[in-house]
Amino acid sequence: MPHARIRLKPASALLLACAAFCSQAFFQAHAQISAVALSNPAAAAGTSPVRAASDSAAPATPAAQVGKLTLDQQVRWLGRAARSGMLARMQDADLVALFQSLDPLTLPRYLKEGPNGYPSYEFTMVRRERIKGKWPDQADHMLVRVTRNPLRIYAKWLPDGAHAGQEVIYDESKRPDQMYGHLGGLLSVVPLWASLDGPLARVQSNHSLRDLGLEYITQQFLTEGKKFAGSGVMRPSSIAVKTVDGVRVVAFTYDMPGGQPTFYAKREILGLDLRRPYFRAVESFDNDGDIFESILFKTITPKTFDDSTFDPKNPDYSF
């Protein structure tokens, strides 16, 4: 799959815009986020204002008046508007105006209280990373199955992307520090156990296998957010609506003073799903303005898996 770059191309309604929300109070609130809520998305649903409304009816308050509501009311409104499909039906200009009008704490509350992912789900993603200074000519196209408590992951590199045919399985309940799979090159035909964070695992990525999933993107954003505020970055430098590979999102661009290494990136572009409280796309740029990481979740499907999904002996796999 020739995929020179996941470009964020403006369209009639497109990628990455999360509204003005980086106030100091916002990041103080982030510091109190429960690690359990992020690692166990189901747990975050209990008393969240986002989940308080059990029905999927669109909220009665017009979008133009949402900025006048209280913080809790805004969070509830945003959750209902997303679940009902109201956000997805809104025009680009109306979406941008909506997010600009919200209390600075509304979007982070919406994301924090999630759920940021699902207790068990399958997704496909297109991803590229700059490894040892080299940007890959072709993106990885991956199928990933994840279940939590315990964390278990199955990942397969699909035929139309780089490293096609590779497979990896991880089960923290059995070998928390190791993964099993075809790790690339000659090793692609020799399944083996390898350290989760060892050199072989980092040949194709700067991240741990445990970082795969929607939750990691939210966690990283919240962690970086505290540094944004400390450097005076209270709002995104731009908000837009864009479409990437058919995925329409509302989008934020953040430009960090000083850039790396204080921050993960000099510029970050984060794309918010229009129906659920999680990010669908991320692009990260270094101090020279060059992209070094690009992630797009193309499909996301809640599913229930049995033990065979994370068993190398599964006859559907090629271990």
C-alpha atoms as a PDB file:
ATOM      1  CA  MET A   1       0.000   0.000   0.000  1.00  0.00           C
ATOM      2  CA  PRO A   2       1.887   3.106  -1.136  1.00  0.00           C
ATOM      3  CA  HIS A   3       1.334   5.415   1.757  1.00  0.00           C
ATOM      4  CA  ALA A   4       3.870   8.235   1.677  1.00  0.00           C
ATOM      5  CA  ARG A   5       2.287   9.909   4.663  1.00  0.00           C
ATOM      6  CA  ILE A   6      -0.976  10.131   6.491  1.00  0.00           C
ATOM      7  CA  ARG A   7      -1.641  13.689   5.429  1.00  0.00           C
ATOM      8  CA  LEU A   8      -4.258  15.741   7.221  1.00  0.00           C
ATOM      9  CA  LYS A   9      -6.024  17.124   4.180  1.00  0.00           C
ATOM     10  CA  PRO A  10      -8.703  19.730   4.764  1.00  0.00           C
ATOM     11  CA  ALA A  11     -12.073  18.636   3.428  1.00  0.00           C
ATOM     12  CA  SER A  12     -15.669  19.748   3.827  1.00  0.00           C
ATOM     13  CA  ALA A  13     -15.505  18.388   7.366  1.00  0.00           C
ATOM     14  CA  LEU A  14     -12.309  16.840   8.617  1.00  0.00           C
ATOM     15  CA  LEU A  15      -9.592  15.765  11.118  1.00  0.00           C
ATOM     16  CA  LEU A  16      -8.621  16.956  14.507  1.00  0.00           C
ATOM     17  CA  ALA A  17     -10.230  19.748  16.480  1.00  0.00           C
ATOM     18  CA  CYS A  18     -10.647  19.620  20.198  1.00  0.00           C
ATOM     19  CA  ALA A  19     -11.716  22.961  21.596  1.00  0.00           C
ATOM     20  CA  ALA A  20     -10.135  25.522  23.849  1.00  0.00           C
ATOM     21  CA  PHE A  21      -9.516  23.779  27.042  1.00  0.00           C
ATOM     22  CA  CYS A  22      -5.961  24.031  28.285  1.00  0.00           C
ATOM     23  CA  SER A  23      -6.431  26.209  31.358  1.00  0.00           C
ATOM     24  CA  GLN A  24      -4.358  25.786  34.487  1.00  0.00           C
ATOM     25  CA  ALA A  25      -7.403  24.437  36.319  1.00  0.00           C
ATOM     26  CA  PHE A  26      -7.840  21.886  33.538  1.00  0.00           C
ATOM     27  CA  PHE A  27      -4.427  20.411  34.109  1.00  0.00           C
ATOM     28  CA  GLN A  28      -4.793  20.447  37.866  1.00  0.00           C
ATOM     29  CA  ALA A  29      -7.872  18.326  37.343  1.00  0.00           C
ATOM     30  CA  HIS A  30      -5.848  15.982  35.126  1.00  0.00           C
ATOM     31  CA  ALA A  31      -3.437  15.284  37.941  1.00  0.00           C
ATOM     32  CA  GLN A  32      -6.272  13.644  39.838  1.00  0.00           C
ATOM     33  CA  ILE A  33      -7.290  11.253  37.061  1.00  0.00           C
ATOM     34  CA  SER A  34      -7.458   7.683  38.252  1.00  0.00           C
ATOM     35  CA  ALA A  35      -5.098   5.253  36.562  1.00  0.00           C
ATOM     36  CA  VAL A  36      -7.840   2.684  36.933  1.00  0.00           C
ATOM     37  CA  ALA A  37     -10.240   4.781  34.889  1.00  0.00           C
ATOM     38  CA  LEU A  38      -7.739   4.965  32.043  1.00  0.00           C
ATOM     39  CA  SER A  39      -6.658   1.326  32.092  1.00  0.00           C
ATOM     40  CA  ASN A  40     -10.187   0.036  32.676  1.00  0.00           C
ATOM     41  CA  PRO A  41     -12.541   2.024  30.442  1.00  0.00           C
ATOM     42  CA  ALA A  42     -15.621   0.273  31.789  1.00  0.00           C
ATOM     43  CA  ALA A  43     -14.917   1.551  35.282  1.00  0.00           C
ATOM     44  CA  ALA A  44     -15.038   5.139  34.096  1.00  0.00           C
ATOM     45  CA  ALA A  45     -18.668   4.841  33.052  1.00  0.00           C
ATOM     46  CA  GLY A  46     -20.258   4.585  36.501  1.00  0.00           C
ATOM     47  CA  THR A  47     -21.083   8.087  37.718  1.00  0.00           C
ATOM     48  CA  SER A  48     -19.731  10.113  34.816  1.00  0.00           C
ATOM     49  CA  PRO A  49     -21.897  13.004  33.598  1.00  0.00           C
ATOM     50  CA  VAL A  50     -21.013  11.798  30.108  1.00  0.00           C
ATOM     51  CA  ARG A  51     -22.863   8.551  30.812  1.00  0.00           C
ATOM     52  CA  ALA A  52     -25.617   9.955  33.006  1.00  0.00           C
ATOM     53  CA  ALA A  53     -28.131  10.169  30.178  1.00  0.00           C
ATOM     54  CA  SER A  54     -29.212   6.638  29.354  1.00  0.00           C
ATOM     55  CA  ASP A  55     -31.000   7.512  26.151  1.00  0.00           C
ATOM     56  CA  SER A  56     -29.444   8.474  22.842  1.00  0.00           C
ATOM     57  CA  ALA A  57     -31.767  11.371  22.082  1.00  0.00           C
ATOM     58  CA  ALA A  58     -30.115  14.596  20.973  1.00  0.00           C
ATOM     59  CA  PRO A  59     -29.918  17.253  23.717  1.00  0.00           C
ATOM     60  CA  ALA A  60     -32.592  19.948  23.641  1.00  0.00           C
ATOM     61  CA  THR A  61     -30.245  22.898  24.131  1.00  0.00           C
ATOM     62  CA  PRO A  62     -29.096  24.328  20.777  1.00  0.00           C
ATOM     63  CA  ALA A  63     -25.371  24.073  20.125  1.00  0.00           C
ATOM     64  CA  ALA A  64     -25.077  27.853  19.981  1.00  0.00           C
ATOM     65  CA  GLN A  65     -26.295  28.104  23.604  1.00  0.00           C
ATOM     66  CA  VAL A  66     -24.140  25.358  25.154  1.00  0.00           C
ATOM     67  CA  GLY A  67     -21.456  27.811  26.259  1.00  0.00           C
ATOM     68  CA  LYS A  68     -23.950  29.314  28.716  1.00  0.00           C
ATOM     69  CA  LEU A  69     -24.506  26.015  30.570  1.00  0.00           C
ATOM     70  CA  THR A  70     -22.673  24.911  33.717  1.00  0.00           C
ATOM     71  CA  LEU A  71     -19.632  22.653  33.406  1.00  0.00           C
ATOM     72  CA  ASP A  72     -21.524  19.462  34.297  1.00  0.00           C
ATOM     73  CA  GLN A  73     -24.316  20.388  31.916  1.00  0.00           C
ATOM     74  CA  GLN A  74     -21.832  20.962  29.117  1.00  0.00           C
ATOM     75  CA  VAL A  75     -20.217  17.560  29.712  1.00  0.00           C
ATOM     76  CA  ARG A  76     -23.623  15.857  29.649  1.00  0.00           C
ATOM     77  CA  TRP A  77     -24.625  17.807  26.548  1.00  0.00           C
ATOM     78  CA  LEU A  78     -21.459  16.810  24.704  1.00  0.00           C
ATOM     79  CA  GLY A  79     -21.897  13.138  25.598  1.00  0.00           C
ATOM     80  CA  ARG A  80     -25.513  13.059  24.409  1.00  0.00           C
ATOM     81  CA  ALA A  81     -24.736  15.043  21.277  1.00  0.00           C
ATOM     82  CA  ALA A  82     -21.997  12.562  20.377  1.00  0.00           C
ATOM     83  CA  ARG A  83     -23.998   9.388  21.111  1.00  0.00           C
ATOM     84  CA  SER A  84     -27.092  10.637  19.293  1.00  0.00           C
ATOM     85  CA  GLY A  85     -25.124  11.466  16.143  1.00  0.00           C
ATOM     86  CA  MET A  86     -25.792  15.179  16.533  1.00  0.00           C
ATOM     87  CA  LEU A  87     -22.087  16.105  16.470  1.00  0.00           C
ATOM     88  CA  ALA A  88     -21.491  14.024  13.373  1.00  0.00           C
ATOM     89  CA  ARG A  89     -24.342  15.820  11.579  1.00  0.00           C
ATOM     90  CA  MET A  90     -23.161  19.326  12.421  1.00  0.00           C
ATOM     91  CA  GLN A  91     -21.497  21.548   9.833  1.00  0.00           C
ATOM     92  CA  ASP A  92     -17.790  22.306  10.128  1.00  0.00           C
ATOM     93  CA  ALA A  93     -18.193  25.923  11.178  1.00  0.00           C
ATOM     94  CA  ASP A  94     -20.793  25.003  13.800  1.00  0.00           C
ATOM     95  CA  LEU A  95     -18.521  22.341  15.296  1.00  0.00           C
ATOM     96  CA  VAL A  96     -15.613  24.750  15.562  1.00  0.00           C
ATOM     97  CA  ALA A  97     -17.828  27.424  17.134  1.00  0.00           C
ATOM     98  CA  LEU A  98     -19.234  24.880  19.592  1.00  0.00           C
ATOM     99  CA  PHE A  99     -15.864  23.744  20.909  1.00  0.00           C
ATOM    100  CA  GLN A 100     -14.593  27.305  21.115  1.00  0.00           C
ATOM    101  CA  SER A 101     -17.562  28.213  23.313  1.00  0.00           C
ATOM    102  CA  LEU A 102     -17.113  25.444  25.884  1.00  0.00           C
ATOM    103  CA  ASP A 103     -15.752  25.851  29.378  1.00  0.00           C
ATOM    104  CA  PRO A 104     -12.005  25.026  29.328  1.00  0.00           C
ATOM    105  CA  LEU A 105     -12.700  21.990  31.529  1.00  0.00           C
ATOM    106  CA  THR A 106     -15.495  20.489  29.426  1.00  0.00           C
ATOM    107  CA  LEU A 107     -13.498  18.602  26.825  1.00  0.00           C
ATOM    108  CA  PRO A 108     -10.930  17.172  29.248  1.00  0.00           C
ATOM    109  CA  ARG A 109     -13.761  16.057  31.539  1.00  0.00           C
ATOM    110  CA  TYR A 110     -15.489  14.471  28.572  1.00  0.00           C
ATOM    111  CA  LEU A 111     -12.303  12.625  27.587  1.00  0.00           C
ATOM    112  CA  LYS A 112     -11.262  11.731  31.130  1.00  0.00           C
ATOM    113  CA  GLU A 113     -14.612  10.263  32.082  1.00  0.00           C
ATOM    114  CA  GLY A 114     -14.727   8.395  28.799  1.00  0.00           C
ATOM    115  CA  PRO A 115     -14.693   5.548  28.334  1.00  0.00           C
ATOM    116  CA  ASN A 116     -11.543   6.177  26.271  1.00  0.00           C
ATOM    117  CA  GLY A 117     -11.763   2.712  24.774  1.00  0.00           C
ATOM    118  CA  TYR A 118     -13.614  -0.511  25.553  1.00  0.00           C
ATOM    119  CA  PRO A 119     -12.960  -3.392  27.960  1.00  0.00           C
ATOM    120  CA  SER A 120     -12.586  -5.636  24.911  1.00  0.00           C
ATOM    121  CA  TYR A 121     -12.357  -4.478  21.305  1.00  0.00           C
ATOM    122  CA  GLU A 122     -10.846  -4.897  17.853  1.00  0.00           C
ATOM    123  CA  PHE A 123      -9.448  -2.085  15.742  1.00  0.00           C
ATOM    124  CA  THR A 124      -7.519  -1.491  12.564  1.00  0.00           C
ATOM    125  CA  MET A 125      -4.899   1.215  12.470  1.00  0.00           C
ATOM    126  CA  VAL A 126      -2.513   2.834  10.030  1.00  0.00           C
ATOM    127  CA  ARG A 127       0.704   3.928  11.699  1.00  0.00           C
ATOM    128  CA  ARG A 128       4.209   5.108  10.902  1.00  0.00           C
ATOM    129  CA  GLU A 129       7.132   6.131  13.064  1.00  0.00           C
ATOM    130  CA  ARG A 130      10.491   7.639  12.312  1.00  0.00           C
ATOM    131  CA  ILE A 131      13.036   5.040  13.498  1.00  0.00           C
ATOM    132  CA  LYS A 132      16.690   6.075  13.787  1.00  0.00           C
ATOM    133  CA  GLY A 133      15.983   9.145  11.677  1.00  0.00           C
ATOM    134  CA  LYS A 134      14.260   7.293   8.819  1.00  0.00           C
ATOM    135  CA  TRP A 135      10.620   7.867   7.878  1.00  0.00           C
ATOM    136  CA  PRO A 136       9.173   4.664   6.344  1.00  0.00           C
ATOM    137  CA  ASP A 137       8.046   4.704   2.727  1.00  0.00           C
ATOM    138  CA  GLN A 138       5.042   2.541   3.591  1.00  0.00           C
ATOM    139  CA  ALA A 139       2.756   2.643   6.614  1.00  0.00           C
ATOM    140  CA  ASP A 140       1.960  -0.351   8.789  1.00  0.00           C
ATOM    141  CA  HIS A 141      -1.681  -1.424   8.466  1.00  0.00           C
ATOM    142  CA  MET A 142      -2.550  -3.466  11.532  1.00  0.00           C
ATOM    143  CA  LEU A 143      -5.389  -5.505  12.957  1.00  0.00           C
ATOM    144  CA  VAL A 144      -5.336  -5.446  16.766  1.00  0.00           C
ATOM    145  CA  ARG A 145      -7.462  -7.272  19.336  1.00  0.00           C
ATOM    146  CA  VAL A 146      -7.311  -6.084  22.930  1.00  0.00           C
ATOM    147  CA  THR A 147      -8.926  -7.145  26.175  1.00  0.00           C
ATOM    148  CA  ARG A 148      -8.192  -5.740  29.635  1.00  0.00           C
ATOM    149  CA  ASN A 149      -8.014  -7.062  33.188  1.00  0.00           C
ATOM    150  CA  PRO A 150      -5.749  -8.779  32.375  1.00  0.00           C
ATOM    151  CA  LEU A 151      -4.274  -6.945  29.418  1.00  0.00           C
ATOM    152  CA  ARG A 152      -4.031  -9.250  26.420  1.00  0.00           C
ATOM    153  CA  ILE A 153      -3.141  -8.220  22.878  1.00  0.00           C
ATOM    154  CA  TYR A 154      -3.063  -9.888  19.491  1.00  0.00           C
ATOM    155  CA  ALA A 155      -1.682  -7.863  16.560  1.00  0.00           C
ATOM    156  CA  LYS A 156      -1.289  -8.748  12.898  1.00  0.00           C
ATOM    157  CA  TRP A 157       0.317  -6.679  10.143  1.00  0.00           C
ATOM    158  CA  LEU A 158      -2.068  -6.726   7.174  1.00  0.00           C
ATOM    159  CA  PRO A 159      -1.091  -7.493   3.549  1.00  0.00           C
ATOM    160  CA  ASP A 160      -1.506  -3.946   2.185  1.00  0.00           C
ATOM    161  CA  GLY A 161       0.963  -2.405   4.644  1.00  0.00           C
ATOM    162  CA  ALA A 162       4.590  -2.664   5.680  1.00  0.00           C
ATOM    163  CA  HIS A 163       5.816  -5.793   7.518  1.00  0.00           C
ATOM    164  CA  ALA A 164       2.848  -7.784   6.179  1.00  0.00           C
ATOM    165  CA  GLY A 165       2.245 -11.142   7.823  1.00  0.00           C
ATOM    166  CA  GLN A 166       3.911 -10.446  11.152  1.00  0.00           C
ATOM    167  CA  GLU A 167       2.001 -11.430  14.288  1.00  0.00           C
ATOM    168  CA  VAL A 168       2.469 -10.760  17.992  1.00  0.00           C
ATOM    169  CA  ILE A 169       0.657 -12.018  21.089  1.00  0.00           C
ATOM    170  CA  TYR A 170       0.959 -10.647  24.618  1.00  0.00           C
ATOM    171  CA  ASP A 171      -0.748 -11.874  27.807  1.00  0.00           C
ATOM    172  CA  GLU A 172       0.245 -10.109  31.014  1.00  0.00           C
ATOM    173  CA  SER A 173      -1.363 -12.859  33.122  1.00  0.00           C
ATOM    174  CA  LYS A 174       1.140 -15.406  31.775  1.00  0.00           C
ATOM    175  CA  ARG A 175       4.320 -13.546  30.825  1.00  0.00           C
ATOM    176  CA  PRO A 176       4.010  -9.878  31.823  1.00  0.00           C
ATOM    177  CA  ASP A 177       7.477  -8.960  30.500  1.00  0.00           C
ATOM    178  CA  GLN A 178       7.477 -10.955  27.265  1.00  0.00           C
ATOM    179  CA  MET A 179       5.652 -11.192  23.968  1.00  0.00           C
ATOM    180  CA  TYR A 180       5.546 -13.980  21.399  1.00  0.00           C
ATOM    181  CA  GLY A 181       5.634 -13.570  17.668  1.00  0.00           C
ATOM    182  CA  HIS A 182       7.334 -12.920  14.373  1.00  0.00           C
ATOM    183  CA  LEU A 183       9.459  -9.853  15.011  1.00  0.00           C
ATOM    184  CA  GLY A 184      10.685  -9.013  11.505  1.00  0.00           C
ATOM    185  CA  GLY A 185      13.387  -9.926   9.018  1.00  0.00           C
ATOM    186  CA  LEU A 186      14.475 -13.549   9.231  1.00  0.00           C
ATOM    187  CA  LEU A 187      12.674 -13.767  12.527  1.00  0.00           C
ATOM    188  CA  SER A 188       9.371 -13.447  10.689  1.00  0.00           C
ATOM    189  CA  VAL A 189       9.484 -17.190  10.029  1.00  0.00           C
ATOM    190  CA  VAL A 190      10.766 -18.142  13.475  1.00  0.00           C
ATOM    191  CA  PRO A 191       8.245 -17.478  16.271  1.00  0.00           C
ATOM    192  CA  LEU A 192       9.987 -16.693  19.543  1.00  0.00           C
ATOM    193  CA  TRP A 193       9.585 -15.130  22.953  1.00  0.00           C
ATOM    194  CA  ALA A 194      11.215 -11.733  23.375  1.00  0.00           C
ATOM    195  CA  SER A 195      11.412  -9.031  26.023  1.00  0.00           C
ATOM    196  CA  LEU A 196       8.462  -6.658  25.851  1.00  0.00           C
ATOM    197  CA  ASP A 197      10.787  -3.648  25.872  1.00  0.00           C
ATOM    198  CA  GLY A 198      13.934  -5.223  24.470  1.00  0.00           C
ATOM    199  CA  PRO A 199      15.879  -4.227  21.336  1.00  0.00           C
ATOM    200  CA  LEU A 200      14.028  -6.648  19.068  1.00  0.00           C
ATOM    201  CA  ALA A 201      10.692  -5.188  20.158  1.00  0.00           C
ATOM    202  CA  ARG A 202      11.892  -1.666  19.298  1.00  0.00           C
ATOM    203  CA  VAL A 203      13.124  -2.426  15.777  1.00  0.00           C
ATOM    204  CA  GLN A 204       9.894  -1.124  14.255  1.00  0.00           C
ATOM    205  CA  SER A 205       8.546   1.147  17.002  1.00  0.00           C
ATOM    206  CA  ASN A 206       9.625   3.507  19.748  1.00  0.00           C
ATOM    207  CA  HIS A 207       6.677   2.312  21.836  1.00  0.00           C
ATOM    208  CA  SER A 208       5.906  -0.759  23.892  1.00  0.00           C
ATOM    209  CA  LEU A 209       3.349  -3.230  22.595  1.00  0.00           C
ATOM    210  CA  ARG A 210       1.292  -2.312  25.666  1.00  0.00           C
ATOM    211  CA  ASP A 211       0.831   1.178  24.182  1.00  0.00           C
ATOM    212  CA  LEU A 212      -1.432  -0.111  21.408  1.00  0.00           C
ATOM    213  CA  GLY A 213      -4.969   1.186  21.813  1.00  0.00           C
ATOM    214  CA  LEU A 214      -7.107   4.260  22.280  1.00  0.00           C
ATOM    215  CA  GLU A 215      -6.372   4.620  25.973  1.00  0.00           C
ATOM    216  CA  TYR A 216      -2.678   5.318  25.462  1.00  0.00           C
ATOM    217  CA  ILE A 217      -3.397   8.335  23.243  1.00  0.00           C
ATOM    218  CA  THR A 218      -5.623   9.878  25.908  1.00  0.00           C
ATOM    219  CA  GLN A 219      -3.129   9.168  28.677  1.00  0.00           C
ATOM    220  CA  GLN A 220      -0.287  10.750  26.734  1.00  0.00           C
ATOM    221  CA  PHE A 221      -2.384  13.809  25.953  1.00  0.00           C
ATOM    222  CA  LEU A 222      -3.310  14.293  29.607  1.00  0.00           C
ATOM    223  CA  THR A 223       0.299  13.845  30.713  1.00  0.00           C
ATOM    224  CA  GLU A 224       1.589  16.349  28.167  1.00  0.00           C
ATOM    225  CA  GLY A 225      -1.257  18.708  29.050  1.00  0.00           C
ATOM    226  CA  LYS A 226       0.193  19.447  32.453  1.00  0.00           C
ATOM    227  CA  LYS A 227       3.385  20.593  30.734  1.00  0.00           C
ATOM    228  CA  PHE A 228       1.410  22.724  28.264  1.00  0.00           C
ATOM    229  CA  ALA A 229      -0.074  24.783  31.065  1.00  0.00           C
ATOM    230  CA  GLY A 230       3.259  25.175  32.793  1.00  0.00           C
ATOM    231  CA  SER A 231       4.625  26.745  29.615  1.00  0.00           C
ATOM    232  CA  GLY A 232       1.667  29.055  29.114  1.00  0.00           C
ATOM    233  CA  VAL A 233      -0.060  27.061  26.361  1.00  0.00           C
ATOM    234  CA  MET A 234      -3.679  27.472  27.451  1.00  0.00           C
ATOM    235  CA  ARG A 235      -5.429  26.826  24.156  1.00  0.00           C
ATOM    236  CA  PRO A 236      -4.712  25.039  20.877  1.00  0.00           C
ATOM    237  CA  SER A 237      -3.158  27.192  18.195  1.00  0.00           C
ATOM    238  CA  SER A 238      -5.879  26.154  15.769  1.00  0.00           C
ATOM    239  CA  ILE A 239      -9.174  24.240  15.682  1.00  0.00           C
ATOM    240  CA  ALA A 240     -10.560  22.710  12.516  1.00  0.00           C
ATOM    241  CA  VAL A 241     -12.696  19.902  11.171  1.00  0.00           C
ATOM    242  CA  LYS A 242     -10.925  17.467   8.854  1.00  0.00           C
ATOM    243  CA  THR A 243     -11.218  14.043   7.227  1.00  0.00           C
ATOM    244  CA  VAL A 244      -8.402  11.482   7.130  1.00  0.00           C
ATOM    245  CA  ASP A 245      -8.869   8.313   5.073  1.00  0.00           C
ATOM    246  CA  GLY A 246     -12.621   8.726   5.367  1.00  0.00           C
ATOM    247  CA  VAL A 247     -12.584   9.394   9.136  1.00  0.00           C
ATOM    248  CA  ARG A 248     -14.124  12.786   9.980  1.00  0.00           C
ATOM    249  CA  VAL A 249     -12.958  14.312  13.231  1.00  0.00           C
ATOM    250  CA  VAL A 250     -12.849  17.610  15.073  1.00  0.00           C
ATOM    251  CA  ALA A 251      -9.252  18.650  15.481  1.00  0.00           C
ATOM    252  CA  PHE A 252      -6.655  20.494  17.650  1.00  0.00           C
ATOM    253  CA  THR A 253      -3.194  21.679  16.757  1.00  0.00           C
ATOM    254  CA  TYR A 254      -0.821  22.458  19.620  1.00  0.00           C
ATOM    255  CA  ASP A 255       2.482  24.286  19.141  1.00  0.00           C
ATOM    256  CA  MET A 256       4.753  23.957  22.147  1.00  0.00           C
ATOM    257  CA  PRO A 257       7.278  26.689  23.051  1.00  0.00           C
ATOM    258  CA  GLY A 258      10.753  25.221  23.203  1.00  0.00           C
ATOM    259  CA  GLY A 259       9.611  21.908  21.722  1.00  0.00           C
ATOM    260  CA  GLN A 260      11.609  18.762  22.386  1.00  0.00           C
ATOM    261  CA  PRO A 261      12.938  17.417  24.701  1.00  0.00           C
ATOM    262  CA  THR A 262      10.723  19.266  27.191  1.00  0.00           C
ATOM    263  CA  PHE A 263       7.678  18.117  25.246  1.00  0.00           C
ATOM    264  CA  TYR A 264       6.987  14.895  23.397  1.00  0.00           C
ATOM    265  CA  ALA A 265       6.688  16.920  20.184  1.00  0.00           C
ATOM    266  CA  LYS A 266       7.091  20.479  18.982  1.00  0.00           C
ATOM    267  CA  ARG A 267       3.671  20.252  17.314  1.00  0.00           C
ATOM    268  CA  GLU A 268       0.828  17.826  17.974  1.00  0.00           C
ATOM    269  CA  ILE A 269      -2.365  17.406  15.981  1.00  0.00           C
ATOM    270  CA  LEU A 270      -5.059  15.418  17.790  1.00  0.00           C
ATOM    271  CA  GLY A 271      -8.288  14.232  16.176  1.00  0.00           C
ATOM    272  CA  LEU A 272     -11.443  13.766  18.257  1.00  0.00           C
ATOM    273  CA  ASP A 273     -14.021  11.156  17.295  1.00  0.00           C
ATOM    274  CA  LEU A 274     -17.464  12.677  16.703  1.00  0.00           C
ATOM    275  CA  ARG A 275     -19.411   9.858  18.361  1.00  0.00           C
ATOM    276  CA  ARG A 276     -17.234   8.662  21.258  1.00  0.00           C
ATOM    277  CA  PRO A 277     -14.898  10.324  23.807  1.00  0.00           C
ATOM    278  CA  TYR A 278     -11.558   9.315  22.351  1.00  0.00           C
ATOM    279  CA  PHE A 279      -9.006  10.457  19.785  1.00  0.00           C
ATOM    280  CA  ARG A 280      -8.964   8.777  16.382  1.00  0.00           C
ATOM    281  CA  ALA A 281      -5.811  10.342  14.934  1.00  0.00           C
ATOM    282  CA  VAL A 282      -2.499  11.811  16.002  1.00  0.00           C
ATOM    283  CA  GLU A 283       0.385  13.442  14.169  1.00  0.00           C
ATOM    284  CA  SER A 284       3.564  14.488  15.970  1.00  0.00           C
ATOM    285  CA  PHE A 285       6.278  16.791  14.610  1.00  0.00           C
ATOM    286  CA  ASP A 286       9.842  17.441  15.781  1.00  0.00           C
ATOM    287  CA  ASN A 287      11.643  20.744  16.306  1.00  0.00           C
ATOM    288  CA  ASP A 288      12.496  20.971  12.591  1.00  0.00           C
ATOM    289  CA  GLY A 289       8.837  20.611  11.615  1.00  0.00           C
ATOM    290  CA  ASP A 290       9.274  17.040  10.340  1.00  0.00           C
ATOM    291  CA  ILE A 291       6.687  14.432  11.181  1.00  0.00           C
ATOM    292  CA  PHE A 292       7.982  11.573  13.319  1.00  0.00           C
ATOM    293  CA  GLU A 293       4.794   9.725  14.215  1.00  0.00           C
ATOM    294  CA  SER A 294       1.390   9.266  12.629  1.00  0.00           C
ATOM    295  CA  ILE A 295      -1.491   7.124  13.921  1.00  0.00           C
ATOM    296  CA  LEU A 296      -4.996   6.699  12.556  1.00  0.00           C
ATOM    297  CA  PHE A 297      -7.605   4.328  13.971  1.00  0.00           C
ATOM    298  CA  LYS A 298      -9.624   3.405  10.894  1.00  0.00           C
ATOM    299  CA  THR A 299     -12.174   1.050  12.488  1.00  0.00           C
ATOM    300  CA  ILE A 300     -13.031   0.429  16.159  1.00  0.00           C
ATOM    301  CA  THR A 301     -15.373  -2.411  17.103  1.00  0.00           C
ATOM    302  CA  PRO A 302     -16.277  -3.585  20.639  1.00  0.00           C
ATOM    303  CA  LYS A 303     -16.008  -7.384  20.743  1.00  0.00           C
ATOM    304  CA  THR A 304     -15.884 -10.251  23.210  1.00  0.00           C
ATOM    305  CA  PHE A 305     -12.967 -12.683  22.823  1.00  0.00           C
ATOM    306  CA  ASP A 306     -12.357 -16.160  24.198  1.00  0.00           C
ATOM    307  CA  ASP A 307      -8.986 -17.505  25.323  1.00  0.00           C
ATOM    308  CA  SER A 308      -8.138 -18.801  21.855  1.00  0.00           C
ATOM    309  CA  THR A 309      -7.847 -15.221  20.586  1.00  0.00           C
ATOM    310  CA  PHE A 310      -4.660 -14.817  22.612  1.00  0.00           C
ATOM    311  CA  ASP A 311      -3.313 -18.341  22.166  1.00  0.00           C
ATOM    312  CA  PRO A 312      -0.450 -18.857  19.668  1.00  0.00           C
ATOM    313  CA  LYS A 313      -1.919 -22.290  18.932  1.00  0.00           C
ATOM    314  CA  ASN A 314      -5.027 -20.722  17.397  1.00  0.00           C
ATOM    315  CA  PRO A 315      -5.319 -22.395  13.964  1.00  0.00           C
ATOM    316  CA  ASP A 316      -6.247 -19.066  12.358  1.00  0.00           C
ATOM    317  CA  TYR A 317      -2.803 -17.704  13.209  1.00  0.00           C
ATOM    318  CA  SER A 318       0.550 -18.406  11.557  1.00  0.00           C
ATOM    319  CA  PHE A 319       2.845 -18.865  14.535  1.00  0.00           C
END
